[in-house]
Amino acid sequence: MIRVTIYKTRRQEHAGFDISGHAGYDDSGKDIVCAAVSALVINALNSIEAFTDDETDRIVDEDTGSITFRFRKSPSHDAALLLDSMILGLEEIESGSEYESYIDIIFKEV
């Protein structure tokens, strides 16, 4: 199962997220859940880097399928919107009856 933890501040600003695990929906290379999650997350990270001036930290471990991402300061409007878009896509996967047992999204206040 893919576990996604989204971190938000008390003011509901994004602080970052952690993702770990593999969906296990199908064999490696055929797992459409892992592929969809990877595409959403990597695109969001690349977009934040390319289209904003936000300072971030990220650690990616391809072997374990884990990503740790943090904003160093409060995110810009654009960065927050990009992260909201990623979260929307992940929630759509989670809410699909066929895929809900392969991804778990939780929100934590930091």
C-alpha atoms as a PDB file:
ATOM      1  CA  MET A   1       0.000   0.000   0.000  1.00  0.00           C
ATOM      2  CA  ILE A   2       1.105   3.543  -0.728  1.00  0.00           C
ATOM      3  CA  ARG A   3       0.960   5.755   2.340  1.00  0.00           C
ATOM      4  CA  VAL A   4       0.731   9.509   1.849  1.00  0.00           C
ATOM      5  CA  THR A   5       1.014  11.897   4.785  1.00  0.00           C
ATOM      6  CA  ILE A   6       0.245  15.547   4.019  1.00  0.00           C
ATOM      7  CA  TYR A   7       1.520  18.051   6.585  1.00  0.00           C
ATOM      8  CA  LYS A   8      -0.294  21.336   7.163  1.00  0.00           C
ATOM      9  CA  THR A   9       0.226  24.092   9.681  1.00  0.00           C
ATOM     10  CA  ARG A  10      -2.425  25.373  12.087  1.00  0.00           C
ATOM     11  CA  ARG A  11      -3.108  28.112   9.538  1.00  0.00           C
ATOM     12  CA  GLN A  12      -3.781  25.354   6.981  1.00  0.00           C
ATOM     13  CA  GLU A  13      -0.640  26.146   4.963  1.00  0.00           C
ATOM     14  CA  HIS A  14       1.145  23.251   3.346  1.00  0.00           C
ATOM     15  CA  ALA A  15       4.336  22.240   5.121  1.00  0.00           C
ATOM     16  CA  GLY A  16       5.171  19.205   2.980  1.00  0.00           C
ATOM     17  CA  PHE A  17       4.435  15.523   2.585  1.00  0.00           C
ATOM     18  CA  ASP A  18       5.828  12.001   2.895  1.00  0.00           C
ATOM     19  CA  ILE A  19       5.042   9.136   0.556  1.00  0.00           C
ATOM     20  CA  SER A  20       6.168   5.566   1.043  1.00  0.00           C
ATOM     21  CA  GLY A  21       5.443   2.079  -0.141  1.00  0.00           C
ATOM     22  CA  HIS A  22       4.288   0.394  -3.302  1.00  0.00           C
ATOM     23  CA  ALA A  23       0.668  -0.115  -4.244  1.00  0.00           C
ATOM     24  CA  GLY A  24       0.922  -3.812  -4.992  1.00  0.00           C
ATOM     25  CA  TYR A  25      -1.927  -3.548  -7.481  1.00  0.00           C
ATOM     26  CA  ASP A  26       0.052  -5.490 -10.088  1.00  0.00           C
ATOM     27  CA  ASP A  27       3.578  -6.646 -10.874  1.00  0.00           C
ATOM     28  CA  SER A  28       6.342  -4.071 -11.058  1.00  0.00           C
ATOM     29  CA  GLY A  29       6.165  -2.307 -14.399  1.00  0.00           C
ATOM     30  CA  LYS A  30       2.442  -3.059 -14.743  1.00  0.00           C
ATOM     31  CA  ASP A  31       1.169  -1.353 -11.575  1.00  0.00           C
ATOM     32  CA  ILE A  32      -1.127   1.428 -12.789  1.00  0.00           C
ATOM     33  CA  VAL A  33      -1.730   2.724  -9.249  1.00  0.00           C
ATOM     34  CA  CYS A  34       1.990   3.217  -8.616  1.00  0.00           C
ATOM     35  CA  ALA A  35       2.358   4.782 -12.052  1.00  0.00           C
ATOM     36  CA  ALA A  36      -0.505   7.218 -11.472  1.00  0.00           C
ATOM     37  CA  VAL A  37       0.748   8.242  -8.025  1.00  0.00           C
ATOM     38  CA  SER A  38       4.306   8.625  -9.305  1.00  0.00           C
ATOM     39  CA  ALA A  39       3.191  10.778 -12.230  1.00  0.00           C
ATOM     40  CA  LEU A  40       1.129  13.084 -10.002  1.00  0.00           C
ATOM     41  CA  VAL A  41       3.835  13.469  -7.353  1.00  0.00           C
ATOM     42  CA  ILE A  42       6.843  13.869  -9.648  1.00  0.00           C
ATOM     43  CA  ASN A  43       4.954  16.337 -11.832  1.00  0.00           C
ATOM     44  CA  ALA A  44       3.990  18.407  -8.773  1.00  0.00           C
ATOM     45  CA  LEU A  45       7.569  18.457  -7.484  1.00  0.00           C
ATOM     46  CA  ASN A  46       9.001  19.346 -10.890  1.00  0.00           C
ATOM     47  CA  SER A  47       6.350  22.048 -11.380  1.00  0.00           C
ATOM     48  CA  ILE A  48       7.053  23.635  -7.996  1.00  0.00           C
ATOM     49  CA  GLU A  49      10.750  23.690  -8.861  1.00  0.00           C
ATOM     50  CA  ALA A  50      10.230  25.028 -12.399  1.00  0.00           C
ATOM     51  CA  PHE A  51       7.421  27.541 -11.867  1.00  0.00           C
ATOM     52  CA  THR A  52       7.971  28.939  -8.364  1.00  0.00           C
ATOM     53  CA  ASP A  53      10.790  30.423  -6.332  1.00  0.00           C
ATOM     54  CA  ASP A  54       9.881  28.389  -3.238  1.00  0.00           C
ATOM     55  CA  GLU A  55      12.745  26.889  -1.301  1.00  0.00           C
ATOM     56  CA  THR A  56      12.191  23.199  -0.642  1.00  0.00           C
ATOM     57  CA  ASP A  57      13.925  20.072   0.553  1.00  0.00           C
ATOM     58  CA  ARG A  58      13.282  16.649  -0.898  1.00  0.00           C
ATOM     59  CA  ILE A  59      14.644  13.176  -0.422  1.00  0.00           C
ATOM     60  CA  VAL A  60      13.767  10.526  -2.994  1.00  0.00           C
ATOM     61  CA  ASP A  61      14.555   6.837  -2.550  1.00  0.00           C
ATOM     62  CA  GLU A  62      13.520   4.938  -5.669  1.00  0.00           C
ATOM     63  CA  ASP A  63      14.313   1.553  -4.131  1.00  0.00           C
ATOM     64  CA  THR A  64      11.790   1.963  -1.324  1.00  0.00           C
ATOM     65  CA  GLY A  65       9.413   4.201  -3.252  1.00  0.00           C
ATOM     66  CA  SER A  66       9.647   6.928  -0.629  1.00  0.00           C
ATOM     67  CA  ILE A  67       9.647  10.687  -1.050  1.00  0.00           C
ATOM     68  CA  THR A  68      10.038  13.275   1.685  1.00  0.00           C
ATOM     69  CA  PHE A  69       9.205  16.843   0.649  1.00  0.00           C
ATOM     70  CA  ARG A  70       9.202  19.994   2.802  1.00  0.00           C
ATOM     71  CA  PHE A  71       8.820  23.706   2.222  1.00  0.00           C
ATOM     72  CA  ARG A  72      11.530  25.712   3.983  1.00  0.00           C
ATOM     73  CA  LYS A  73       9.133  28.658   4.396  1.00  0.00           C
ATOM     74  CA  SER A  74       5.449  29.236   3.866  1.00  0.00           C
ATOM     75  CA  PRO A  75       4.602  28.177   0.325  1.00  0.00           C
ATOM     76  CA  SER A  76       3.703  30.707  -2.331  1.00  0.00           C
ATOM     77  CA  HIS A  77       0.191  30.751  -3.728  1.00  0.00           C
ATOM     78  CA  ASP A  78       1.382  28.983  -6.880  1.00  0.00           C
ATOM     79  CA  ALA A  79       3.223  26.243  -4.978  1.00  0.00           C
ATOM     80  CA  ALA A  80       0.202  25.676  -2.736  1.00  0.00           C
ATOM     81  CA  LEU A  81      -2.040  25.420  -5.797  1.00  0.00           C
ATOM     82  CA  LEU A  82       0.274  22.875  -7.412  1.00  0.00           C
ATOM     83  CA  LEU A  83       0.287  20.803  -4.229  1.00  0.00           C
ATOM     84  CA  ASP A  84      -3.519  21.077  -3.970  1.00  0.00           C
ATOM     85  CA  SER A  85      -3.743  19.756  -7.523  1.00  0.00           C
ATOM     86  CA  MET A  86      -1.521  16.791  -6.634  1.00  0.00           C
ATOM     87  CA  ILE A  87      -3.608  16.059  -3.545  1.00  0.00           C
ATOM     88  CA  LEU A  88      -6.831  16.224  -5.558  1.00  0.00           C
ATOM     89  CA  GLY A  89      -5.471  13.647  -7.986  1.00  0.00           C
ATOM     90  CA  LEU A  90      -4.310  11.367  -5.173  1.00  0.00           C
ATOM     91  CA  GLU A  91      -7.685  11.649  -3.432  1.00  0.00           C
ATOM     92  CA  GLU A  92      -9.448  10.726  -6.672  1.00  0.00           C
ATOM     93  CA  ILE A  93      -7.375   7.548  -6.839  1.00  0.00           C
ATOM     94  CA  GLU A  94      -8.100   6.793  -3.180  1.00  0.00           C
ATOM     95  CA  SER A  95     -11.833   7.319  -3.620  1.00  0.00           C
ATOM     96  CA  GLY A  96     -12.063   4.935  -6.566  1.00  0.00           C
ATOM     97  CA  SER A  97     -13.611   1.673  -5.361  1.00  0.00           C
ATOM     98  CA  GLU A  98     -11.148  -0.396  -7.384  1.00  0.00           C
ATOM     99  CA  TYR A  99      -8.054   1.369  -5.981  1.00  0.00           C
ATOM    100  CA  GLU A 100      -8.963   2.475  -2.443  1.00  0.00           C
ATOM    101  CA  SER A 101      -7.185  -0.440  -0.778  1.00  0.00           C
ATOM    102  CA  TYR A 102      -3.898   0.469  -2.507  1.00  0.00           C
ATOM    103  CA  ILE A 103      -3.437   4.043  -1.246  1.00  0.00           C
ATOM    104  CA  ASP A 104      -3.999   5.711   2.119  1.00  0.00           C
ATOM    105  CA  ILE A 105      -3.891   9.497   2.512  1.00  0.00           C
ATOM    106  CA  ILE A 106      -3.791  11.155   5.917  1.00  0.00           C
ATOM    107  CA  PHE A 107      -3.442  14.779   6.944  1.00  0.00           C
ATOM    108  CA  LYS A 108      -1.387  15.839   9.972  1.00  0.00           C
ATOM    109  CA  GLU A 109      -1.068  19.226  11.605  1.00  0.00           C
ATOM    110  CA  VAL A 110       2.465  20.370  12.333  1.00  0.00           C
END
